[in-house]
Protein backbone atom coordinates (compact mmCIF):
# COMPACT_ATOMS: atom_id res chain seq x y z
CA MET A 1 123.52 45.18 73.65
CA GLY A 2 122.17 45.52 77.28
CA THR A 3 120.06 48.41 78.33
CA ASP A 4 122.17 48.94 81.44
CA ILE A 5 124.71 51.09 79.42
CA GLU A 6 121.99 53.63 78.64
CA HIS A 7 121.40 56.76 80.65
CA PRO A 8 118.03 56.45 82.50
CA LEU A 9 116.76 59.62 80.85
CA ARG A 10 118.15 59.19 77.37
CA TYR A 11 114.95 57.72 75.76
CA ASP A 12 112.67 60.24 77.51
CA LEU A 13 114.86 63.21 76.33
CA VAL A 14 114.83 61.93 72.78
CA ASN A 15 111.12 61.27 72.84
CA GLU A 16 110.59 64.88 74.16
CA LEU A 17 111.95 66.17 70.89
CA HIS A 18 109.10 64.47 69.08
CA ALA A 19 106.28 64.97 71.81
CA ARG A 20 104.99 68.31 70.44
CA PRO A 21 104.52 67.98 66.59
CA SER A 22 102.83 70.72 64.71
CA PRO A 23 99.44 69.73 63.36
CA ARG A 24 98.85 68.70 59.70
CA LEU A 25 96.19 70.83 58.04
CA THR A 26 94.72 70.88 54.61
CA ALA A 27 93.28 74.08 53.34
CA PRO A 28 90.58 75.16 53.89
CA ALA A 29 90.70 74.63 57.64
CA THR A 30 89.94 76.38 60.87
CA CYS A 31 92.08 76.47 64.06
CA ALA A 32 90.71 77.56 67.43
CA PHE A 33 93.37 77.99 70.18
CA VAL A 34 93.18 78.90 73.87
CA ALA A 35 95.82 79.15 76.57
CA PHE A 36 95.28 79.43 80.41
CA LYS A 37 97.62 80.67 83.11
CA GLU A 38 97.26 80.80 86.78
CA PRO A 39 97.24 84.40 88.04
CA ARG A 40 99.73 83.78 90.79
CA ASP A 41 102.83 81.57 90.97
CA ALA A 42 101.89 79.69 87.93
CA ALA A 43 105.29 77.80 87.71
CA ASN A 44 104.38 76.00 91.01
CA ARG A 45 100.65 75.29 90.28
CA ASP A 46 99.00 72.03 90.90
CA ARG A 47 99.24 70.34 87.32
CA ARG A 48 96.63 67.70 88.27
CA ARG A 49 94.03 70.45 88.01
CA ASP A 50 95.16 71.14 84.49
CA LEU A 51 94.92 67.47 83.67
CA ASN A 52 91.35 67.29 85.26
CA HIS A 53 90.33 70.34 83.10
CA LEU A 54 91.53 68.50 80.08
CA THR A 55 89.87 65.24 81.05
CA ALA A 56 86.48 67.19 81.40
CA LEU A 57 86.79 68.38 77.88
CA THR A 58 87.67 65.10 76.36
CA ALA A 59 84.76 63.36 78.29
CA ARG A 60 82.43 66.03 77.14
CA HIS A 61 83.24 65.28 73.43
CA GLY A 62 83.59 61.57 73.82
CA GLY A 63 87.47 61.53 73.18
CA PRO A 64 90.17 59.28 74.53
CA ARG A 65 91.26 60.04 78.06
CA PRO A 66 94.77 61.63 78.58
CA ASP A 67 97.76 59.87 80.10
CA PRO A 68 98.16 61.36 83.71
CA GLU A 69 101.86 61.22 83.31
CA ASP A 70 102.13 63.12 80.06
CA SER A 71 102.67 66.91 79.59
CA HIS A 72 100.98 66.77 76.15
CA TYR A 73 97.95 65.21 74.54
CA GLN A 74 96.64 64.64 70.95
CA GLY A 75 93.40 63.04 70.05
CA ARG A 76 90.24 63.38 67.94
CA LEU A 77 87.14 65.04 69.55
CA GLY A 78 84.34 64.63 66.95
CA ARG A 79 85.25 66.67 63.88
CA HIS A 80 88.14 68.35 65.70
CA GLU A 81 91.68 67.25 66.25
CA LEU A 82 92.70 68.45 69.74
CA LYS A 83 96.38 69.19 70.64
CA TRP A 84 96.96 70.10 74.48
CA GLU A 85 100.42 71.15 76.04
CA SER A 86 101.55 71.92 79.41
CA HIS A 87 104.18 74.53 79.66
CA THR A 88 106.06 76.07 82.55
CA GLU A 89 103.44 78.75 83.41
CA PHE A 90 100.43 77.95 81.17
CA VAL A 91 98.59 75.28 79.27
CA THR A 92 97.32 75.42 75.68
CA TYR A 93 94.61 73.91 73.63
CA MET A 94 94.57 73.87 69.89
CA ALA A 95 91.53 72.45 68.01
CA THR A 96 91.65 72.20 64.22
CA THR A 97 88.91 71.19 61.90
CA PRO A 98 88.57 70.95 58.07
CA GLY A 99 86.54 73.60 56.30
CA LEU A 100 85.65 77.29 57.14
CA PRO A 101 82.74 78.65 59.14
CA ILE A 102 79.73 80.00 57.31
CA ARG A 103 80.75 83.55 58.17
CA PRO A 104 84.40 84.68 58.39
CA PHE A 105 85.75 84.15 61.89
CA ASP A 106 82.28 83.15 63.31
CA PRO A 107 82.63 82.47 67.03
CA SER A 108 80.91 79.08 66.50
CA ALA A 109 84.35 77.96 65.30
CA GLY A 110 85.53 78.01 68.94
CA ALA A 111 82.48 76.11 70.17
CA ILE A 112 84.55 72.97 71.15
CA PHE A 113 85.67 75.31 74.06
CA PRO A 114 82.31 76.01 75.76
CA ALA A 115 82.22 79.11 77.84
CA ALA A 116 81.24 77.11 81.03
CA TRP A 117 84.23 74.90 80.59
CA GLN A 118 86.51 77.89 80.09
CA ALA A 119 85.06 79.46 83.22
CA ASP A 120 85.94 76.25 85.24
CA ALA A 121 89.69 76.51 84.07
CA PRO A 122 92.31 76.38 87.00
CA GLY A 123 93.70 79.56 85.46
CA ARG A 124 92.45 82.55 83.38
CA ARG A 125 92.46 82.82 79.66
CA ILE A 126 95.68 84.50 78.41
CA ALA A 127 95.18 83.89 74.75
CA ALA A 128 92.43 82.96 72.53
CA VAL A 129 92.98 82.81 68.62
CA LEU A 130 90.96 81.99 65.59
CA VAL A 131 93.01 81.07 62.49
CA GLN A 132 91.28 80.57 59.05
CA VAL A 133 93.29 78.87 56.43
CA ASP A 134 92.28 79.25 52.85
CA ILE A 135 93.62 78.80 49.38
CA LEU A 136 95.41 81.83 47.99
CA PRO A 137 93.52 83.24 45.03
CA GLU A 138 95.42 83.40 41.74
CA ASN A 139 95.43 87.17 42.15
CA PRO A 140 96.74 87.92 45.58
CA ALA A 141 95.07 91.34 45.51
CA GLU A 142 91.73 89.55 45.91
CA ALA A 143 92.93 88.27 49.24
CA LEU A 144 93.87 91.69 50.31
CA SER A 145 90.38 93.00 49.51
CA ARG A 146 88.89 90.42 51.85
CA ILE A 147 91.37 90.91 54.89
CA GLU A 148 90.74 94.70 54.61
CA THR A 149 87.02 94.06 55.65
CA TRP A 150 88.08 91.65 58.47
CA PHE A 151 90.80 93.61 60.21
CA ALA A 152 91.33 97.29 61.41
CA LYS A 153 93.34 99.13 58.78
CA ASP A 154 95.44 101.00 61.26
CA SER A 155 97.07 97.92 62.65
CA LEU A 156 96.70 95.43 59.81
CA THR A 157 99.74 93.34 59.19
CA ALA A 158 100.01 91.30 56.01
CA VAL A 159 103.08 89.52 54.82
CA TRP A 160 104.45 86.80 52.58
CA VAL A 161 106.11 83.86 54.59
CA LEU A 162 108.31 81.00 53.66
CA GLU A 163 109.50 82.27 50.37
CA GLU A 164 105.93 83.27 49.41
CA ALA A 165 104.45 79.92 50.04
CA ALA A 166 101.77 81.64 52.10
CA MET A 167 100.27 85.02 53.20
CA ILE A 168 99.25 85.67 56.70
CA ALA A 169 97.31 88.59 57.99
CA GLY A 170 95.98 89.92 61.29
CA ASP A 171 95.59 93.12 63.34
CA PHE A 172 96.52 91.80 66.87
CA ARG A 173 93.13 93.07 68.27
CA ILE A 174 90.54 91.28 70.22
CA ASP A 175 87.16 90.99 68.64
CA PRO A 176 83.89 91.52 70.62
CA ASP A 177 83.69 87.63 71.33
CA GLY A 178 87.16 87.64 72.85
CA TRP A 179 89.05 86.17 69.95
CA MET A 180 92.23 87.35 68.19
CA ARG A 181 92.07 86.59 64.56
CA PHE A 182 94.54 85.57 61.87
CA ALA A 183 93.88 84.75 58.17
CA VAL A 184 96.28 82.38 56.37
CA PHE A 185 96.22 82.03 52.60
CA VAL A 186 98.39 79.27 51.15
CA ARG A 187 99.29 78.30 47.65
CA PRO A 188 97.53 75.08 46.47
CA GLU A 189 100.83 73.17 46.32
CA VAL A 190 101.82 73.74 50.00
CA GLY A 191 101.55 70.46 52.01
CA PRO A 192 99.69 69.75 55.24
CA GLY A 193 102.93 69.69 57.33
CA ARG A 194 104.07 73.13 56.20
CA ILE A 195 100.57 74.61 56.75
CA GLY A 196 100.41 73.10 60.22
CA ARG A 197 103.83 74.82 61.12
CA ILE A 198 102.75 78.19 59.88
CA VAL A 199 99.55 77.95 62.06
CA HIS A 200 101.50 76.63 64.96
CA ARG A 201 103.96 79.46 64.79
CA LEU A 202 101.16 82.02 64.53
CA VAL A 203 99.42 80.82 67.72
CA GLU A 204 102.73 80.60 69.48
CA LEU A 205 103.61 84.03 68.44
CA GLU A 206 100.42 85.47 70.05
CA THR A 207 100.70 83.26 73.15
CA TYR A 208 104.29 84.21 73.99
CA ARG A 209 103.64 87.85 73.11
CA ALA A 210 100.77 87.86 75.65
CA MET A 211 102.96 86.20 78.30
CA SER A 212 105.85 88.53 77.66
CA MET A 213 103.64 91.57 78.05
CA LEU A 214 102.57 90.47 81.64
CA GLY A 215 105.94 92.08 82.53
CA LEU A 216 104.54 95.46 81.29
CA GLY A 217 101.91 95.60 84.13
CA ARG A 218 104.57 94.59 86.69
CA SER A 219 106.99 97.24 85.33
CA ARG A 220 104.37 99.92 85.68
CA SER A 221 103.56 99.11 89.32
CA LEU A 222 107.24 98.88 90.15
CA SER A 223 107.99 102.24 88.57
CA ARG A 224 105.28 103.89 90.73
CA ARG A 225 106.91 102.26 93.93
CA LEU A 226 110.41 103.29 92.76
CA ASN A 227 109.29 106.80 92.20
CA GLU A 228 108.20 106.84 95.91
CA LEU A 229 111.51 105.21 97.12
CA GLU A 230 113.94 107.22 95.04
CA PRO A 231 113.33 110.59 96.82
CA ARG A 232 113.88 108.72 100.20
CA LEU A 233 116.97 107.28 98.89
CA SER A 234 118.30 110.60 97.54
CA ALA A 235 117.66 112.35 100.81
CA ILE A 236 119.51 109.78 102.79
CA VAL A 237 122.57 109.76 100.58
CA ASP A 238 122.48 113.78 100.55
CA GLY A 239 122.23 113.62 104.33
CA MET A 240 125.27 111.41 104.70
CA HIS A 241 127.42 114.60 104.75
CA ASP A 242 125.50 116.02 107.74
CA ASP A 243 127.73 115.27 110.80
CA ALA A 244 124.86 116.32 113.00
CA ARG A 245 122.89 113.18 112.16
CA PRO A 246 124.27 110.09 113.86
CA ALA A 247 125.59 107.64 111.26
CA GLU A 248 123.80 104.63 112.94
CA ALA A 249 120.43 106.34 112.53
CA VAL A 250 120.98 107.10 108.85
CA LEU A 251 122.18 103.52 108.39
CA HIS A 252 119.01 102.18 110.00
CA GLU A 253 116.90 104.42 107.73
CA LEU A 254 118.88 103.23 104.75
CA LEU A 255 118.49 99.58 105.51
CA GLY A 256 114.73 100.10 105.60
CA VAL A 257 114.86 101.47 101.87
CA SER A 258 117.25 98.62 101.04
CA ALA A 259 114.92 95.87 102.47
CA GLU A 260 111.94 97.38 100.50
CA LEU A 261 114.04 97.34 97.30
CA GLU A 262 115.15 93.74 97.92
CA GLY A 263 111.48 92.72 98.43
CA GLN A 264 110.54 94.32 95.14
CA ALA A 265 113.31 92.39 93.48
CA VAL A 266 112.02 89.06 94.87
CA GLN A 267 108.58 89.97 93.59
CA HIS A 268 109.56 91.11 90.15
CA PHE A 269 112.79 89.51 88.86
CA PHE A 270 111.12 86.05 88.02
CA ARG A 271 108.55 87.86 85.85
CA PHE A 272 111.36 90.07 84.26
CA GLY A 273 113.38 86.97 83.39
CA ALA A 274 110.46 85.19 82.06
CA THR A 275 109.59 88.27 79.92
CA LYS A 276 112.99 88.33 78.38
CA ALA A 277 112.75 84.64 77.64
CA TYR A 278 109.22 85.07 76.11
CA GLU A 279 110.32 88.08 74.01
CA ALA A 280 113.22 85.99 72.56
CA ILE A 281 110.69 83.20 71.51
CA VAL A 282 108.38 85.85 69.97
CA MET A 283 111.26 87.31 67.91
CA ASP A 284 112.37 83.75 67.04
CA ARG A 285 108.91 82.83 65.79
CA VAL A 286 108.86 86.07 63.64
CA THR A 287 112.16 85.12 62.17
CA ALA A 288 111.17 81.56 61.53
CA LEU A 289 108.31 82.71 59.30
CA ARG A 290 110.95 84.36 56.91
CA GLU A 291 108.58 87.21 56.01
CA THR A 292 108.74 89.46 52.94
CA ARG A 293 106.50 92.43 52.12
CA PHE A 294 103.04 91.85 50.68
CA LEU A 295 101.67 94.71 48.47
CA ASP A 296 103.18 97.37 50.52
CA ARG A 297 101.52 96.27 53.68
CA GLN A 298 103.02 96.51 57.19
CA MET A 299 105.27 93.66 58.04
CA LEU A 300 105.39 91.76 61.32
CA THR A 301 108.76 93.13 62.16
CA GLU A 302 107.63 96.61 61.68
CA PHE A 303 104.59 96.12 63.81
CA MET A 304 106.80 94.57 66.50
CA ARG A 305 109.25 97.32 66.34
CA ARG A 306 106.57 100.07 66.72
CA ARG A 307 104.10 98.47 68.95
CA TYR A 308 105.72 95.53 70.88
CA ARG A 309 109.32 96.32 71.41
CA PRO A 310 108.69 99.67 73.22
CA ALA A 311 106.74 97.64 75.77
CA MET A 312 109.65 95.29 76.20
CA ARG A 313 112.08 98.23 76.60
CA THR A 314 109.86 99.63 79.28
CA VAL A 315 110.05 96.34 81.16
CA ALA A 316 113.91 96.22 80.66
CA SER A 317 114.06 99.79 81.89
CA ALA A 318 112.20 99.27 85.08
CA GLU A 319 114.45 96.14 85.76
CA ASP A 320 117.58 98.08 85.09
CA ARG A 321 116.33 101.02 87.40
CA LEU A 322 115.55 98.51 90.16
CA ARG A 323 119.02 97.05 89.83
CA ALA A 324 120.69 100.45 89.78
CA MET A 325 118.78 101.52 92.93
CA ILE A 326 119.76 98.36 94.70
CA GLU A 327 123.38 98.80 93.85
CA ARG A 328 123.18 102.53 94.84
CA THR A 329 121.69 101.53 98.15
CA ARG A 330 124.51 98.93 98.77
CA ARG A 331 127.17 101.44 98.07
CA ALA A 332 125.62 104.00 100.37
CA ALA A 333 125.36 101.39 102.97
CA ASP A 334 129.00 100.45 102.60
CA LEU A 335 129.97 104.12 103.12
CA LEU A 336 127.68 104.57 106.14
CA ARG A 337 129.20 101.36 107.65
CA THR A 338 132.66 102.61 107.13
CA ARG A 339 131.58 105.97 108.79
CA VAL A 340 130.09 104.02 111.63
CA ASP A 341 133.28 101.90 112.09
CA VAL A 342 135.36 105.01 112.03
CA GLU A 343 133.35 106.61 114.65
CA ARG A 344 133.26 103.43 116.82
CA SER A 345 137.17 103.24 116.35
CA ALA A 346 137.43 106.87 117.63
CA GLN A 347 135.11 106.03 120.56
CA ASN A 348 137.14 102.81 121.35
CA GLN A 349 140.41 104.87 121.18
CA ALA A 350 139.03 107.49 123.64
CA LEU A 351 137.89 104.60 125.87
CA LEU A 352 141.39 102.97 125.76
CA GLU A 353 142.98 106.40 126.59
CA ARG A 354 140.56 106.70 129.70
CA MET A 355 141.46 103.19 130.66
CA ASP A 356 145.19 103.92 130.43
CA ARG A 357 144.75 106.97 132.69
CA ARG A 358 142.79 104.94 135.13
CA ALA A 359 145.42 102.10 135.06
CA ASP A 360 148.18 104.85 135.67
CA LEU A 361 146.22 106.33 138.56
CA GLN A 362 145.69 102.67 139.93
CA LEU A 363 149.45 102.04 139.57
CA ARG A 364 150.34 105.18 141.57
CA LEU A 365 147.70 104.36 144.14
CA GLN A 366 149.16 100.90 144.43
CA HIS A 367 152.65 102.38 145.00
CA THR A 368 151.22 104.55 147.63
CA VAL A 369 149.35 101.67 149.39
CA GLU A 370 152.49 99.62 149.13
CA GLY A 371 154.49 102.38 150.96
CA LEU A 372 151.83 102.61 153.58
CA SER A 373 151.74 98.78 153.73
CA VAL A 374 155.59 98.79 154.60
CA VAL A 375 154.86 101.18 157.44
CA ALA A 376 151.94 99.15 158.71
CA ILE A 377 153.82 95.74 158.49
CA SER A 378 156.94 97.15 160.00
CA TYR A 379 154.98 98.55 162.91
CA TYR A 380 153.36 95.17 163.64
CA ALA A 381 156.78 93.52 163.14
CA VAL A 382 158.55 95.76 165.59
CA GLY A 383 155.69 95.20 168.08
CA LEU A 384 156.06 91.45 167.88
CA LEU A 385 159.80 91.64 168.10
CA SER A 386 159.61 93.82 171.15
CA TYR A 387 157.78 91.16 172.90
CA ALA A 388 160.10 88.46 171.83
CA LEU A 389 163.20 90.52 172.65
CA TYR A 390 162.06 91.70 176.04
CA PRO A 391 163.80 88.97 177.99
CA VAL A 392 166.90 89.66 175.97
CA ALA A 393 166.79 93.32 176.91
CA SER A 394 166.42 92.38 180.56
CA ALA A 395 169.30 89.90 180.46
CA LEU A 396 171.50 92.42 178.85
CA HIS A 397 170.34 95.29 181.01
CA VAL A 398 169.43 97.26 177.96
CA ASP A 399 166.61 99.76 177.91
CA LYS A 400 163.76 98.20 175.93
CA ALA A 401 163.10 101.65 174.18
CA TYR A 402 166.64 101.67 172.80
CA LEU A 403 166.36 98.07 171.55
CA ILE A 404 163.04 98.74 169.75
CA ALA A 405 164.67 102.03 168.30
CA ALA A 406 167.56 99.89 166.91
CA LEU A 407 165.23 97.29 165.48
CA THR A 408 162.79 99.64 163.75
CA PRO A 409 165.06 100.65 160.75
CA ALA A 410 166.11 97.05 160.22
CA ALA A 411 162.48 95.95 160.35
CA VAL A 412 161.53 98.49 157.77
CA LEU A 413 164.40 97.68 155.42
CA VAL A 414 163.55 93.91 155.65
CA VAL A 415 159.72 94.44 154.96
CA TRP A 416 160.56 96.77 152.12
CA TRP A 417 162.86 94.27 150.68
CA ALA A 418 160.51 91.38 151.09
CA MET A 419 157.63 93.26 149.40
CA ARG A 420 160.02 94.16 146.54
CA GLN A 421 160.82 90.52 145.93
CA VAL A 422 157.11 89.66 146.06
CA ARG A 423 156.34 92.30 143.33
CA ARG A 424 159.25 91.03 141.18
CA SER A 425 157.97 87.52 141.48
CA LEU A 426 154.34 88.58 140.44
CA HIS A 427 155.79 90.49 137.38
CA LYS A 428 157.99 87.62 136.41
CA HIS A 429 155.17 85.04 136.55
CA GLY A 430 152.30 87.19 135.24
CA PRO A 431 150.04 86.53 132.10
CA ALA A 432 152.56 87.88 129.66
CA HIS A 433 155.25 85.49 131.03
CA ASP A 434 152.76 82.57 130.78
CA LEU A 435 152.03 83.26 127.09
């Protein structure tokens, strides 16, 4: 069968499903994970810089060069297996190696990512995670005694996952070397693929948690700005009932507040939308672990409900408040525009009434002028006729004065009748008749 029947993107889209596989790990093992994000406009960043940063790391460790066209990479760098992914706003590096460091969560486990190389990253580090994978002791309480020395007790989370195939623990705190730490204890029979998926979900959980909480800083700065704008908006709305203030001036002031709110929306709505998406992924990763309680310790869902979800509600509240103020401003603007239109209609009505009065005066003046015109035209007509009829008066032996006196009423009537016909003709063929 020919390939011309296939959609040009069919194979690329199917391959995308298999482009980001989870690592395969055999306990004991160590995972070092870092994620970098551009501080501003990360979605439109120059992705070639990300690729150059990855190439510098692979060249440093003598690994294979990445394909410039790919958004993911997997290769061996010495003892480490490196997995790189490019996402919408950030890039991630996951390096896994067999065995555990000499000391639990020793910073040397992340030495594959040198400090100088991290400092040269196009973005800034948004997540750094160390995960230690070990065999679960026959007595799970022994694992508990270890993790209690590794993590802060007040925020320690320890749960069974995947029908008690493994136990994971962490405190979601950053250690003095900048790493967030998780411990994973797996049963001996758990396979490499399942271990890799557990670790992958853990680092994704932390990455998307960090990305989602970027909206918290935005919501706080937005709330401060809204606290400044809300009294202005309330004063404008309250002042709409004051007839002493011109509606157009109030509307102009309201439009200034509206422009400020729309500007805030442009700045923040992308981050708020991303926060919702990342929050959904975080909760999905928690659900995918299918956790159950481990020796009465705090569960991930409990930690998220107490520590994480309030932050997300704060972000949602700030977004809702911004939307409500924008809607409130639009309603107030509609009311003010209606008031302005009513005032303008009243002004136009008054103007039309003045125009009608002026037209009436002009019509009366026109009639007066027409009367005077009849007199003036009649006067000149009689004068012309007197010259024309002078010989006739001499032949008839009629006094010229009597002849002019007789002609005057007739001349006036003729002139009056002629002007009346002209006026009727103008009204008959005026603009209304043409339409």
